Amino acid sequence: MLLVNDLWDDLAEVQEEIPLTNEQRTLLDERYRAFLENPEEGEPWEVVQERIRKML
């Protein structure tokens, strides 16, 4: 959860530099709400990162 908060804070600081479509913003909001409803679902970044590295 701390990683998500850190990333969200970083993005909030530079949001003017990151153009998003309304569809992208809606999708991000939906995913964030889903995370807040069930923060234990999903995998830690380290696990996902390792899986991606193995695919390369």
Protein backbone atom coordinates (compact mmCIF):
# COMPACT_ATOMS: atom_id res chain seq x y z
CA MET A 1 0.00 0.00 0.00
CA LEU A 2 2.86 2.38 0.72
CA LEU A 3 4.21 1.93 -2.79
CA VAL A 4 0.84 2.81 -4.30
CA ASN A 5 0.60 5.89 -2.12
CA ASP A 6 4.13 6.97 -3.05
CA LEU A 7 3.43 6.50 -6.75
CA TRP A 8 0.12 8.31 -6.52
CA ASP A 9 1.78 11.23 -4.71
CA ASP A 10 4.53 11.40 -7.33
CA LEU A 11 1.99 11.45 -10.12
CA ALA A 12 -0.08 14.10 -8.39
CA GLU A 13 2.95 16.40 -8.30
CA VAL A 14 3.44 16.26 -12.08
CA GLN A 15 -0.09 15.62 -13.31
CA GLU A 16 0.05 18.59 -15.69
CA GLU A 17 2.95 16.89 -17.47
CA ILE A 18 1.06 13.63 -17.98
CA PRO A 19 -1.83 14.03 -20.41
CA LEU A 20 -4.63 11.53 -19.78
CA THR A 21 -7.73 10.92 -21.78
CA ASN A 22 -11.04 10.82 -19.94
CA GLU A 23 -11.14 7.07 -20.56
CA GLN A 24 -7.71 6.59 -19.00
CA ARG A 25 -8.64 8.72 -15.99
CA THR A 26 -11.86 6.74 -15.50
CA LEU A 27 -10.01 3.43 -15.71
CA LEU A 28 -7.38 4.58 -13.21
CA ASP A 29 -10.08 5.78 -10.82
CA GLU A 30 -11.92 2.45 -11.10
CA ARG A 31 -8.76 0.47 -10.45
CA TYR A 32 -7.83 2.65 -7.50
CA ARG A 33 -11.31 2.22 -5.97
CA ALA A 34 -11.03 -1.54 -6.48
CA PHE A 35 -7.67 -1.51 -4.71
CA LEU A 36 -9.11 0.46 -1.79
CA GLU A 37 -11.97 -2.02 -1.48
CA ASN A 38 -9.62 -5.02 -1.42
CA PRO A 39 -5.96 -4.03 -0.88
CA GLU A 40 -4.89 -7.63 -0.26
CA GLU A 41 -5.82 -8.69 -3.79
CA GLY A 42 -3.04 -8.63 -6.33
CA GLU A 43 0.68 -9.12 -6.01
CA PRO A 44 3.52 -7.04 -4.61
CA TRP A 45 5.52 -5.03 -7.14
CA GLU A 46 8.61 -7.15 -6.49
CA VAL A 47 6.77 -10.32 -7.55
CA VAL A 48 5.39 -8.69 -10.70
CA GLN A 49 8.77 -7.19 -11.54
CA GLU A 50 10.49 -10.57 -11.21
CA ARG A 51 7.88 -12.22 -13.45
CA ILE A 52 8.40 -9.54 -16.10
CA ARG A 53 12.18 -9.96 -15.93
CA LYS A 54 11.82 -13.70 -16.52
CA MET A 55 9.70 -13.02 -19.60
CA LEU A 56 12.38 -10.83 -21.21
